[in-house]
Amino acid sequence: MPVGQGRERPLTVHHLNQLLLVCSLVLLVAVAAVRISSRSGLPSLLVYLGIGVAMGQDGIGDIHFDNAELTQVIGYAALVVILAEGGLGTKWKEIKPALPSASALALVGVSVSVGVTATAAHYLIGLEWRQALIVGAVVSSTDAAAVFSVLRKIPLPARVTGTLEAESGFNDAPVVILVVSFSTAGAVEHWYVLLGEIALELAIGAAIGIAVGWLGAWGLRHVALPASGLYPIAVMAIAVTAYAAGAQAHGSGFLAVYLASMVMGNAKLPHWPATRGFADGLGWIAQIGMFVLLGLLVTPHELGDDILPALVIGLVLTMVARPLSVVVCLTPFRVSWQEQTLMSWAGLRGAVPIILATIPMVEGVEASRRIFNIVFVLVVVYTLVQGPTLPWLARKLHLGEDPAEAADLGIESAPLERLRGHLLSVAIPDGSKMHGVEVNELRLPKGSAVTLVVRDDKSFVPLPSTVLRRGDELLVVATDPVRDAAERRLRAVGQGGKLAGWLGTDYTDPHR
C-alpha cells in the first residue's frame, strides 16, 4: 500500500474510518508497550520505532512510505509538543544552578562533538566533509523525549538531572541551525557567519520565549476561564505560540517553546495538576506518532551496508566525542568525575537525530539516504546499550538520590474573579510535616482560612482544634493580596511543621 508518493486521492469517509481504526489500534498497542519498556528500562522510542518498522514495507503491514518532507513537518510539530511538555515539568529550583553548565554543553559541547564526530566520519568512514559535518551535527543533539523519559525514573542528584534536562532542551536549537546550514551548503567556508547566525537566533528565541511565557502565565493567573478544562488547552496554545512567533521572527522556535513552557511551569498556574496531565498525554501522543512515522520511513533491507559505519561513528561519539565535550564544558564548574562520567554516558539520542536526518533528504544532499540509515542504526543500537545501563552505572558511581526531605505539598489554585480571591486545593502527602498540626497552628495570614477538609472520602468543616493528617485534602480560601503569602505559609508548615518560621525553617519560594 503506497503512502506518500504519487497523486493524492481525496479523503473520503470510508478512508477516514480506516485511518481512525489503524491509528487507534497503533495507539493502543503503543500504550500497552509502555509496560514492556518500563520493566526493561528501555526508552519507549525503541518500541514505537519497532511498531513503525513492523507496519512498513519489510514488515507485516506492507506500507510503502517515503515522504521525508511530511515526516520532517510532523516531526517538528511533535518535537514542539515534547519540548513544551518537558519545559512544563522542569523545576526552576533544580535547573537554576545547572544553567551555566547546561548552556556550555548545549553550545560549546555541541561544537566539540560535531568536530570530533565529523572528523571520524570523514577519515574512518570515507564520507565527504559536507556529509561528515551533517552526520556530526545530526547525532550531537541529545533527545529531549529520551532524556525526560529515562532520567525522571532514576533517582539522581538534582544537579545531574537539572543539567541533563536543560541541555536536552537547549541543544536542539543550535543543532537544527547547524544541520540546515550544512545541508544548504556554504556554512563550512563561512563558519564565522554561521556562529553569528546561531547566536542571533538563540537570542531572539530566548527573548520571545521568556516574554510569551511570562505574559501567558500572567494572563492565566488573572483571568478566570469558565471551565477548568480550558486551562490546559490555553497553556499548550501559548507554548505553540512561542514556537511560531520565534520561528517567524527568524529566531529559534525550539528554544522559545522550551523557555516559555518552563516559565509557565514554574508560575503556579490555576488547575496545575490537570494541565500537567493534559500535557503529559499530548507528549505521549506526539512521541508515538513521531516514532511510528520514522519507523515507517526506514527501509530495513537497505540498512545492511550501513551497520558497520553506524557502529564506528557511534563508538567515537559515545566513547570520545561526548566524554570530551563533557570534560571541556564541566571541568571549569568543578563537577566531580563521577558526575561527569554519568553525564557522558547519559547523552541519549532518540527521535530528534532521526528527524534531523530527514533535512538533507529534503534538501537533496548527495548520499542523504545513507546518512539517514547510519543515523537510524546508530540511535537504535546505542539506545539499546545506554538506556538500560544508566541505573547500573549510577549505582556503581554512588550517585543516588539526595537525602530524604519532607515531601512537598500538592497545591492547586483556581481564581475566584468576582470575589477577588483564590481557592487553594491542598493535598497532604506522606512524609509531610503538616501531619499532626492543628488548623489554628497553621497561622495563615489574615484574609485566608481553611474552609473544608476531605478525609477518607468524607468532607467536613474543620474546627480550629482539628488535627490534620497525611492524606487529607484541604480547601483554603485566600483573598487576592494574601494568596501568595498563604501558599508560602502552607508549604513552610509542610516542610518544617508547626514551628516553621520560628526555627529557621521557613519556606523559600523556588520560583523567585
Protein backbone atom coordinates (compact mmCIF):
# COMPACT_ATOMS: atom_id res chain seq x y z
CA MET A 1 0.00 0.00 0.00
CA PRO A 2 1.96 3.04 -1.19
CA VAL A 3 1.85 6.12 1.02
CA GLY A 4 3.46 9.49 0.47
CA GLN A 5 4.07 9.17 -3.27
CA GLY A 6 2.10 9.53 -6.47
CA ARG A 7 -1.03 11.55 -6.98
CA GLU A 8 -3.01 12.23 -3.84
CA ARG A 9 -6.55 10.90 -3.64
CA PRO A 10 -9.32 12.81 -1.86
CA LEU A 11 -10.03 11.64 1.68
CA THR A 12 -13.47 10.07 1.90
CA VAL A 13 -15.45 8.99 4.94
CA HIS A 14 -14.52 5.38 4.14
CA HIS A 15 -10.83 6.25 4.13
CA LEU A 16 -11.30 8.22 7.35
CA ASN A 17 -12.85 5.18 9.04
CA GLN A 18 -9.89 3.02 8.01
CA LEU A 19 -7.43 5.66 9.15
CA LEU A 20 -9.11 6.05 12.55
CA LEU A 21 -9.15 2.28 13.05
CA VAL A 22 -5.46 1.90 12.23
CA CYS A 23 -4.41 4.91 14.33
CA SER A 24 -6.44 3.83 17.35
CA LEU A 25 -5.06 0.29 17.20
CA VAL A 26 -1.50 1.62 16.89
CA LEU A 27 -2.07 3.88 19.90
CA LEU A 28 -3.45 1.01 21.98
CA VAL A 29 -0.52 -1.24 21.08
CA ALA A 30 1.92 1.58 21.84
CA VAL A 31 0.30 2.29 25.21
CA ALA A 32 0.46 -1.40 26.12
CA ALA A 33 4.09 -1.48 25.00
CA VAL A 34 4.98 1.19 27.56
CA ARG A 35 4.66 -1.53 30.18
CA ILE A 36 7.36 -3.53 28.43
CA SER A 37 9.70 -0.57 28.12
CA SER A 38 9.22 0.48 31.77
CA ARG A 39 10.11 -3.01 33.01
CA SER A 40 13.15 -3.37 30.76
CA GLY A 41 14.47 0.15 31.31
CA LEU A 42 14.48 0.86 27.57
CA PRO A 43 13.28 4.24 26.31
CA SER A 44 9.86 3.72 24.78
CA LEU A 45 11.07 5.17 21.48
CA LEU A 46 12.52 1.80 20.51
CA VAL A 47 9.15 0.10 20.93
CA TYR A 48 7.44 2.76 18.82
CA LEU A 49 10.11 2.61 16.14
CA GLY A 50 9.63 -1.15 16.07
CA ILE A 51 5.89 -0.71 15.54
CA GLY A 52 6.60 1.61 12.60
CA VAL A 53 9.11 -0.81 11.07
CA ALA A 54 6.65 -3.70 11.50
CA MET A 55 3.99 -1.72 9.64
CA GLY A 56 6.41 -0.80 6.84
CA GLN A 57 7.17 -2.39 3.51
CA ASP A 58 9.50 -5.00 5.03
CA GLY A 59 7.04 -5.83 7.80
CA ILE A 60 3.58 -7.30 8.16
CA GLY A 61 1.83 -4.04 7.25
CA ASP A 62 3.48 -3.69 3.82
CA ILE A 63 3.01 0.10 3.87
CA HIS A 64 5.32 1.89 1.44
CA PHE A 65 6.09 5.31 2.88
CA ASP A 66 8.91 7.52 1.57
CA ASN A 67 7.75 11.10 2.15
CA ALA A 68 10.69 12.63 4.00
CA GLU A 69 9.24 16.13 3.83
CA LEU A 70 5.99 15.09 5.52
CA THR A 71 7.99 13.19 8.13
CA GLN A 72 10.07 16.29 8.82
CA VAL A 73 6.99 18.52 9.19
CA ILE A 74 5.21 16.10 11.53
CA GLY A 75 8.45 15.51 13.43
CA TYR A 76 8.91 19.24 14.01
CA ALA A 77 5.31 19.55 15.25
CA ALA A 78 5.78 16.58 17.59
CA LEU A 79 9.06 17.98 18.87
CA VAL A 80 7.31 21.26 19.74
CA VAL A 81 4.81 19.34 21.89
CA ILE A 82 7.56 17.23 23.52
CA LEU A 83 9.65 20.29 24.36
CA ALA A 84 6.56 22.03 25.74
CA GLU A 85 5.79 19.06 27.98
CA GLY A 86 9.40 18.85 29.10
CA GLY A 87 9.55 22.58 29.86
CA LEU A 88 6.32 22.44 31.88
CA GLY A 89 7.81 19.67 34.01
CA THR A 90 11.19 21.33 34.56
CA LYS A 91 11.56 22.70 38.08
CA TRP A 92 13.29 26.05 38.24
CA LYS A 93 14.86 25.35 41.62
CA GLU A 94 16.61 22.29 40.14
CA ILE A 95 17.60 23.80 36.81
CA LYS A 96 18.76 27.21 38.06
CA PRO A 97 22.11 26.03 39.49
CA ALA A 98 22.68 23.95 36.35
CA LEU A 99 22.03 26.72 33.79
CA PRO A 100 25.68 27.71 33.19
CA SER A 101 26.88 24.12 32.77
CA ALA A 102 23.87 23.13 30.66
CA SER A 103 24.34 26.17 28.40
CA ALA A 104 28.01 25.28 27.97
CA LEU A 105 27.10 21.72 26.98
CA ALA A 106 24.43 22.94 24.57
CA LEU A 107 26.79 25.34 22.79
CA VAL A 108 30.48 24.51 23.33
CA GLY A 109 29.78 20.83 23.92
CA VAL A 110 27.84 20.53 20.67
CA SER A 111 30.70 22.20 18.78
CA VAL A 112 33.26 19.78 20.23
CA SER A 113 31.03 16.80 19.49
CA VAL A 114 30.37 17.91 15.90
CA GLY A 115 34.07 18.41 15.23
CA VAL A 116 35.21 15.08 16.65
CA THR A 117 32.38 13.04 15.11
CA ALA A 118 32.68 14.68 11.69
CA THR A 119 36.43 14.03 11.64
CA ALA A 120 35.84 10.35 12.41
CA ALA A 121 33.10 10.11 9.76
CA HIS A 122 35.45 11.60 7.16
CA TYR A 123 38.64 9.67 7.88
CA LEU A 124 37.23 6.38 9.18
CA ILE A 125 34.11 6.01 7.04
CA GLY A 126 35.17 7.98 3.98
CA LEU A 127 32.28 10.46 3.87
CA GLU A 128 32.87 13.77 2.14
CA TRP A 129 33.41 16.68 4.51
CA ARG A 130 29.94 18.13 3.94
CA GLN A 131 28.29 14.77 4.58
CA ALA A 132 30.55 14.15 7.59
CA LEU A 133 29.64 17.51 9.11
CA ILE A 134 25.93 16.78 8.61
CA VAL A 135 26.31 13.43 10.38
CA GLY A 136 28.32 15.04 13.19
CA ALA A 137 25.70 17.76 13.70
CA VAL A 138 22.74 15.39 13.48
CA VAL A 139 23.98 12.98 16.17
CA SER A 140 25.33 15.69 18.52
CA SER A 141 21.91 16.59 19.89
CA THR A 142 20.67 14.71 22.93
CA ASP A 143 17.00 13.83 22.64
CA ALA A 144 14.58 15.58 24.99
CA ALA A 145 11.99 12.79 24.90
CA ALA A 146 14.56 10.07 25.66
CA VAL A 147 16.22 12.08 28.43
CA PHE A 148 12.94 13.09 30.08
CA SER A 149 11.51 9.56 29.96
CA VAL A 150 14.62 7.83 31.35
CA LEU A 151 16.09 10.31 33.82
CA ARG A 152 12.83 11.03 35.66
CA LYS A 153 12.70 7.34 36.63
CA ILE A 154 16.25 7.31 38.05
CA PRO A 155 16.94 8.86 41.49
CA LEU A 156 19.90 11.11 40.66
CA PRO A 157 21.28 14.25 42.32
CA ALA A 158 19.36 17.36 41.35
CA ARG A 159 22.40 18.95 39.68
CA VAL A 160 22.89 15.98 37.35
CA THR A 161 19.22 15.74 36.41
CA GLY A 162 18.89 19.50 36.01
CA THR A 163 21.96 19.74 33.78
CA LEU A 164 20.91 16.90 31.50
CA GLU A 165 17.30 18.06 31.20
CA ALA A 166 18.31 21.65 30.49
CA GLU A 167 20.94 20.54 27.97
CA SER A 168 18.44 18.38 26.09
CA GLY A 169 16.00 21.29 25.99
CA PHE A 170 18.63 23.83 24.88
CA ASN A 171 20.78 21.95 22.38
CA ASP A 172 18.07 21.23 19.80
CA ALA A 173 18.15 24.87 18.71
CA PRO A 174 21.84 25.22 17.71
CA VAL A 175 21.92 21.73 16.20
CA VAL A 176 18.91 22.43 13.95
CA ILE A 177 20.63 25.58 12.72
CA LEU A 178 23.84 23.65 12.01
CA VAL A 179 22.12 20.83 10.14
CA VAL A 180 20.08 23.23 7.99
CA SER A 181 23.19 25.31 7.25
CA PHE A 182 25.34 22.31 6.31
CA SER A 183 22.54 20.88 4.19
CA THR A 184 22.14 24.10 2.22
CA ALA A 185 25.93 24.49 1.71
CA GLY A 186 28.15 27.48 2.32
CA ALA A 187 28.43 27.06 6.10
CA VAL A 188 31.83 25.34 6.03
CA GLU A 189 33.60 28.19 4.28
CA HIS A 190 31.79 30.92 6.25
CA TRP A 191 31.83 29.43 9.74
CA TYR A 192 32.14 32.83 11.41
CA VAL A 193 28.88 33.94 9.78
CA LEU A 194 27.27 30.72 10.98
CA LEU A 195 28.35 31.38 14.56
CA GLY A 196 26.85 34.85 14.43
CA GLU A 197 23.63 33.47 12.98
CA ILE A 198 23.37 30.87 15.74
CA ALA A 199 23.94 33.48 18.44
CA LEU A 200 21.32 35.82 16.93
CA GLU A 201 18.70 33.11 16.50
CA LEU A 202 19.21 31.84 20.04
CA ALA A 203 18.94 35.37 21.46
CA ILE A 204 15.72 36.07 19.53
CA GLY A 205 14.23 32.72 20.52
CA ALA A 206 15.13 33.17 24.19
CA ALA A 207 13.68 36.69 24.35
CA ILE A 208 10.42 35.70 22.66
CA GLY A 209 10.06 32.52 24.71
CA ILE A 210 10.51 34.27 28.05
CA ALA A 211 8.21 37.14 27.05
CA VAL A 212 5.42 34.87 25.76
CA GLY A 213 5.71 32.58 28.78
CA TRP A 214 5.54 35.47 31.25
CA LEU A 215 2.60 37.14 29.51
CA GLY A 216 0.78 33.83 29.21
CA ALA A 217 1.29 32.99 32.88
CA TRP A 218 0.16 36.46 33.96
CA GLY A 219 -2.98 36.20 31.86
CA LEU A 220 -3.91 32.73 33.08
CA ARG A 221 -3.47 33.74 36.72
CA HIS A 222 -5.65 36.84 36.38
CA VAL A 223 -8.43 35.63 34.08
CA ALA A 224 -10.97 33.12 35.37
CA LEU A 225 -11.93 30.86 32.47
CA PRO A 226 -15.46 29.39 32.53
CA ALA A 227 -14.24 25.75 32.57
CA SER A 228 -11.17 24.15 34.16
CA GLY A 229 -10.58 22.10 31.01
CA LEU A 230 -9.76 25.28 29.10
CA TYR A 231 -6.62 25.97 31.17
CA PRO A 232 -4.55 23.04 29.77
CA ILE A 233 -5.62 23.95 26.23
CA ALA A 234 -4.62 27.57 26.79
CA VAL A 235 -1.22 26.59 28.21
CA MET A 236 -0.36 24.41 25.21
CA ALA A 237 -1.65 27.08 22.82
CA ILE A 238 0.63 29.65 24.46
CA ALA A 239 3.59 27.27 24.16
CA VAL A 240 2.93 26.70 20.45
CA THR A 241 2.52 30.47 20.02
CA ALA A 242 6.03 30.92 21.44
CA TYR A 243 7.44 28.46 18.89
CA ALA A 244 5.62 30.02 15.95
CA ALA A 245 6.48 33.59 16.98
CA GLY A 246 10.13 32.69 17.48
CA ALA A 247 10.35 30.94 14.11
CA GLN A 248 8.54 33.77 12.28
CA ALA A 249 10.97 36.27 13.81
CA HIS A 250 13.88 34.21 12.39
CA GLY A 251 14.81 33.05 15.86
CA SER A 252 14.97 29.60 17.42
CA GLY A 253 11.41 28.42 17.82
CA PHE A 254 12.52 25.31 19.70
CA LEU A 255 14.31 27.36 22.36
CA ALA A 256 11.34 29.72 22.55
CA VAL A 257 8.80 26.94 23.22
CA TYR A 258 11.01 25.30 25.85
CA LEU A 259 11.63 28.55 27.75
CA ALA A 260 8.01 29.69 27.51
CA SER A 261 6.83 26.36 28.87
CA MET A 262 9.41 26.43 31.66
CA VAL A 263 8.27 29.93 32.69
CA MET A 264 4.62 28.81 32.81
CA GLY A 265 5.52 25.56 34.54
CA ASN A 266 7.02 27.47 37.44
CA ALA A 267 4.36 30.19 37.69
CA LYS A 268 1.82 28.38 39.95
CA LEU A 269 -0.94 28.39 37.36
CA PRO A 270 -4.57 27.52 38.17
CA HIS A 271 -5.58 23.85 37.83
CA TRP A 272 -1.96 22.83 37.50
CA PRO A 273 -2.35 19.04 38.03
CA ALA A 274 -4.90 18.89 35.22
CA THR A 275 -2.61 20.92 32.97
CA ARG A 276 0.35 18.63 33.64
CA GLY A 277 -1.76 15.55 32.96
CA PHE A 278 -3.03 17.01 29.69
CA ALA A 279 0.47 17.99 28.55
CA ASP A 280 1.82 14.58 29.53
CA GLY A 281 -0.85 12.87 27.44
CA LEU A 282 -0.14 15.09 24.43
CA GLY A 283 3.56 14.38 24.85
CA TRP A 284 2.93 10.64 24.69
CA ILE A 285 0.79 11.01 21.57
CA ALA A 286 3.48 13.14 19.92
CA GLN A 287 6.19 10.59 20.75
CA ILE A 288 4.13 7.66 19.50
CA GLY A 289 3.16 9.35 16.24
CA MET A 290 6.65 10.66 15.56
CA PHE A 291 8.48 7.39 16.26
CA VAL A 292 5.99 5.24 14.34
CA LEU A 293 6.30 7.55 11.32
CA LEU A 294 10.10 7.41 11.48
CA GLY A 295 9.90 3.63 11.66
CA LEU A 296 7.75 3.66 8.53
CA LEU A 297 10.26 5.84 6.68
CA VAL A 298 13.17 3.45 7.18
CA THR A 299 13.69 0.52 4.81
CA PRO A 300 15.26 -2.31 6.85
CA HIS A 301 16.69 -4.30 3.91
CA GLU A 302 18.76 -1.23 2.94
CA LEU A 303 20.47 -0.98 6.34
CA GLY A 304 22.95 -3.84 5.95
CA ASP A 305 25.79 -1.85 4.38
CA ASP A 306 25.42 0.98 6.90
CA ILE A 307 25.53 -1.05 10.13
CA LEU A 308 29.33 -1.08 10.46
CA PRO A 309 29.74 2.67 9.67
CA ALA A 310 26.99 3.45 12.19
CA LEU A 311 28.69 1.36 14.88
CA VAL A 312 32.05 3.06 14.24
CA ILE A 313 30.60 6.58 14.33
CA GLY A 314 28.53 5.72 17.39
CA LEU A 315 31.57 4.34 19.18
CA VAL A 316 33.53 7.53 18.52
CA LEU A 317 30.54 9.64 19.57
CA THR A 318 29.91 7.70 22.78
CA MET A 319 33.47 6.99 23.91
CA VAL A 320 35.35 10.06 22.62
CA ALA A 321 33.21 13.00 21.44
CA ARG A 322 30.62 13.04 24.23
CA PRO A 323 33.11 12.48 27.11
CA LEU A 324 35.47 15.10 25.68
CA SER A 325 32.67 17.67 25.37
CA VAL A 326 31.58 16.95 28.95
CA VAL A 327 35.13 17.30 30.31
CA VAL A 328 35.75 20.53 28.40
CA CYS A 329 32.44 22.10 29.46
CA LEU A 330 32.03 20.87 33.06
CA THR A 331 35.57 20.86 34.46
CA PRO A 332 35.55 24.69 34.93
CA PHE A 333 32.39 24.25 37.06
CA ARG A 334 34.18 21.78 39.37
CA VAL A 335 31.83 18.94 38.59
CA SER A 336 33.09 15.68 40.11
CA TRP A 337 34.48 12.96 37.87
CA GLN A 338 31.64 10.63 38.91
CA GLU A 339 29.02 13.11 37.70
CA GLN A 340 31.00 13.80 34.52
CA THR A 341 31.19 10.07 33.82
CA LEU A 342 27.45 9.62 34.26
CA MET A 343 26.61 12.67 32.13
CA SER A 344 28.95 11.39 29.42
CA TRP A 345 27.03 8.11 29.31
CA ALA A 346 23.62 9.77 29.66
CA GLY A 347 23.83 11.70 26.39
CA LEU A 348 20.86 9.78 25.00
CA ARG A 349 19.96 10.02 21.33
CA GLY A 350 16.42 9.44 20.14
CA ALA A 351 13.97 10.65 17.54
CA VAL A 352 15.50 14.13 17.22
CA PRO A 353 18.62 12.96 15.35
CA ILE A 354 16.45 10.80 13.06
CA ILE A 355 14.16 13.76 12.35
CA LEU A 356 17.16 15.98 11.65
CA ALA A 357 18.48 13.33 9.27
CA THR A 358 15.44 14.00 7.05
CA ILE A 359 16.63 17.58 6.44
CA PRO A 360 19.42 16.62 3.98
CA MET A 361 16.93 14.27 2.27
CA VAL A 362 14.51 17.16 1.74
CA GLU A 363 17.34 19.43 0.59
CA GLY A 364 18.57 16.82 -1.91
CA VAL A 365 22.04 16.36 -0.39
CA GLU A 366 24.09 13.64 -2.08
CA ALA A 367 24.06 10.31 -0.16
CA SER A 368 21.34 11.69 2.13
CA ARG A 369 19.61 8.29 2.28
CA ARG A 370 22.83 6.74 3.54
CA ILE A 371 23.10 9.45 6.19
CA PHE A 372 19.57 8.67 7.34
CA ASN A 373 20.30 4.94 7.55
CA ILE A 374 23.53 5.48 9.50
CA VAL A 375 21.77 7.75 12.00
CA PHE A 376 18.85 5.33 12.38
CA VAL A 377 21.11 2.35 13.14
CA LEU A 378 23.28 4.42 15.48
CA VAL A 379 20.29 5.63 17.50
CA VAL A 380 18.73 2.19 17.85
CA VAL A 381 21.93 0.34 18.78
CA TYR A 382 23.29 2.83 21.27
CA THR A 383 19.92 3.46 22.88
CA LEU A 384 19.74 -0.28 23.47
CA VAL A 385 23.12 -0.09 25.16
CA GLN A 386 22.88 3.18 27.09
CA GLY A 387 19.28 3.29 28.33
CA PRO A 388 19.17 0.08 30.40
CA THR A 389 22.70 0.55 31.80
CA LEU A 390 22.16 4.05 33.21
CA PRO A 391 20.74 2.89 36.58
CA TRP A 392 23.57 0.34 36.95
CA LEU A 393 26.21 2.99 36.22
CA ALA A 394 24.61 5.43 38.66
CA ARG A 395 24.80 2.80 41.42
CA LYS A 396 28.42 1.96 40.60
CA LEU A 397 29.34 5.64 40.77
CA HIS A 398 27.43 6.01 44.08
CA LEU A 399 25.22 8.71 42.62
CA GLY A 400 21.99 8.03 44.45
CA GLU A 401 19.13 10.20 45.47
CA ASP A 402 19.72 13.25 47.63
CA PRO A 403 18.99 12.79 51.35
CA ALA A 404 15.29 12.40 52.03
CA GLU A 405 13.44 15.62 52.62
CA ALA A 406 9.94 16.32 53.84
CA ALA A 407 7.52 15.75 50.98
CA ASP A 408 6.22 18.97 49.48
CA LEU A 409 2.52 19.73 49.32
CA GLY A 410 0.47 19.49 46.16
CA ILE A 411 -1.37 22.81 45.84
CA GLU A 412 -3.79 23.64 43.04
CA SER A 413 -5.15 27.15 42.66
CA ALA A 414 -8.37 28.33 40.99
CA PRO A 415 -9.09 32.08 40.72
CA LEU A 416 -12.40 33.46 42.00
CA GLU A 417 -12.56 36.52 39.79
CA ARG A 418 -15.77 38.12 41.03
CA LEU A 419 -14.81 37.55 44.68
CA ARG A 420 -11.25 38.84 44.11
CA GLY A 421 -9.89 35.71 45.75
CA HIS A 422 -8.45 32.26 45.19
CA LEU A 423 -9.47 28.75 46.15
CA LEU A 424 -6.44 26.62 47.04
CA SER A 425 -6.73 22.84 46.99
CA VAL A 426 -4.01 21.41 49.27
CA ALA A 427 -3.07 17.71 49.32
CA ILE A 428 -1.03 16.50 52.32
CA PRO A 429 1.29 13.69 51.10
CA ASP A 430 3.08 11.01 53.08
CA GLY A 431 6.14 12.48 54.74
CA SER A 432 4.70 15.98 55.09
CA LYS A 433 5.33 17.61 58.46
CA MET A 434 1.84 19.09 58.33
CA HIS A 435 0.68 15.72 59.71
CA GLY A 436 -0.32 16.26 63.35
CA VAL A 437 -0.64 20.04 63.06
CA GLU A 438 -3.87 21.68 64.25
CA VAL A 439 -5.68 24.08 61.92
CA ASN A 440 -5.07 27.07 64.21
CA GLU A 441 -1.35 26.19 64.29
CA LEU A 442 -1.10 26.85 60.57
CA ARG A 443 -1.10 30.56 61.41
CA LEU A 444 -2.37 31.55 57.97
CA PRO A 445 -2.30 35.27 57.13
CA LYS A 446 -5.42 37.34 57.71
CA GLY A 447 -7.71 37.07 54.72
CA SER A 448 -7.24 33.32 54.33
CA ALA A 449 -8.82 30.33 56.08
CA VAL A 450 -9.25 26.56 55.86
CA THR A 451 -12.89 26.10 54.90
CA LEU A 452 -13.14 22.36 54.26
CA VAL A 453 -11.24 19.14 54.97
CA VAL A 454 -11.71 15.95 52.91
CA ARG A 455 -10.64 12.80 54.79
CA ASP A 456 -11.35 9.20 53.82
CA ASP A 457 -13.77 10.36 51.11
CA LYS A 458 -15.77 12.39 53.66
CA SER A 459 -15.76 16.16 53.92
CA PHE A 460 -16.30 18.36 56.98
CA VAL A 461 -15.81 21.93 58.12
CA PRO A 462 -12.79 21.93 60.46
CA LEU A 463 -12.62 23.48 63.92
CA PRO A 464 -9.54 25.47 64.99
CA SER A 465 -8.50 22.41 67.02
CA THR A 466 -8.91 19.90 64.15
CA VAL A 467 -5.70 17.87 63.73
CA LEU A 468 -4.60 17.44 60.14
CA ARG A 469 -3.42 14.07 58.87
CA ARG A 470 -1.46 12.73 55.94
CA GLY A 471 -3.81 12.03 53.04
CA ASP A 472 -6.10 14.95 53.92
CA GLU A 473 -7.17 17.42 51.26
CA LEU A 474 -7.84 20.99 52.36
CA LEU A 475 -9.77 23.77 50.69
CA VAL A 476 -8.26 27.13 51.60
CA VAL A 477 -9.87 30.40 50.53
CA ALA A 478 -7.49 33.38 50.29
CA THR A 479 -8.08 36.94 49.16
CA ASP A 480 -6.01 38.14 46.25
CA PRO A 481 -3.48 40.23 48.28
CA VAL A 482 -2.54 37.33 50.59
CA ARG A 483 -2.79 34.44 48.15
CA ASP A 484 0.99 34.01 47.70
CA ALA A 485 1.67 34.51 51.42
CA ALA A 486 -0.89 31.83 52.28
CA GLU A 487 0.73 29.33 49.91
CA ARG A 488 4.21 30.11 51.27
CA ARG A 489 2.97 29.54 54.81
CA LEU A 490 1.31 26.25 53.89
CA ARG A 491 4.46 24.98 52.24
CA ALA A 492 6.57 26.15 55.17
CA VAL A 493 4.46 24.14 57.63
CA GLY A 494 4.56 21.18 55.25
CA GLN A 495 8.36 21.22 55.34
CA GLY A 496 9.04 22.45 58.88
CA GLY A 497 5.98 21.59 60.96
CA LYS A 498 4.03 23.82 63.34
CA LEU A 499 7.22 25.67 64.41
CA ALA A 500 8.13 26.70 60.86
CA GLY A 501 9.34 30.26 60.85
CA TRP A 502 10.44 30.15 64.48
CA LEU A 503 13.20 27.60 63.94
CA GLY A 504 14.55 28.97 60.68
CA THR A 505 12.63 26.52 58.54
CA ASP A 506 10.50 28.98 56.58
CA TYR A 507 9.68 28.02 53.01
CA THR A 508 11.85 29.53 50.28
CA ASP A 509 9.92 30.12 47.06
CA PRO A 510 11.76 28.22 44.28
CA HIS A 511 10.17 30.40 41.61
CA ARG A 512 11.97 33.53 42.74
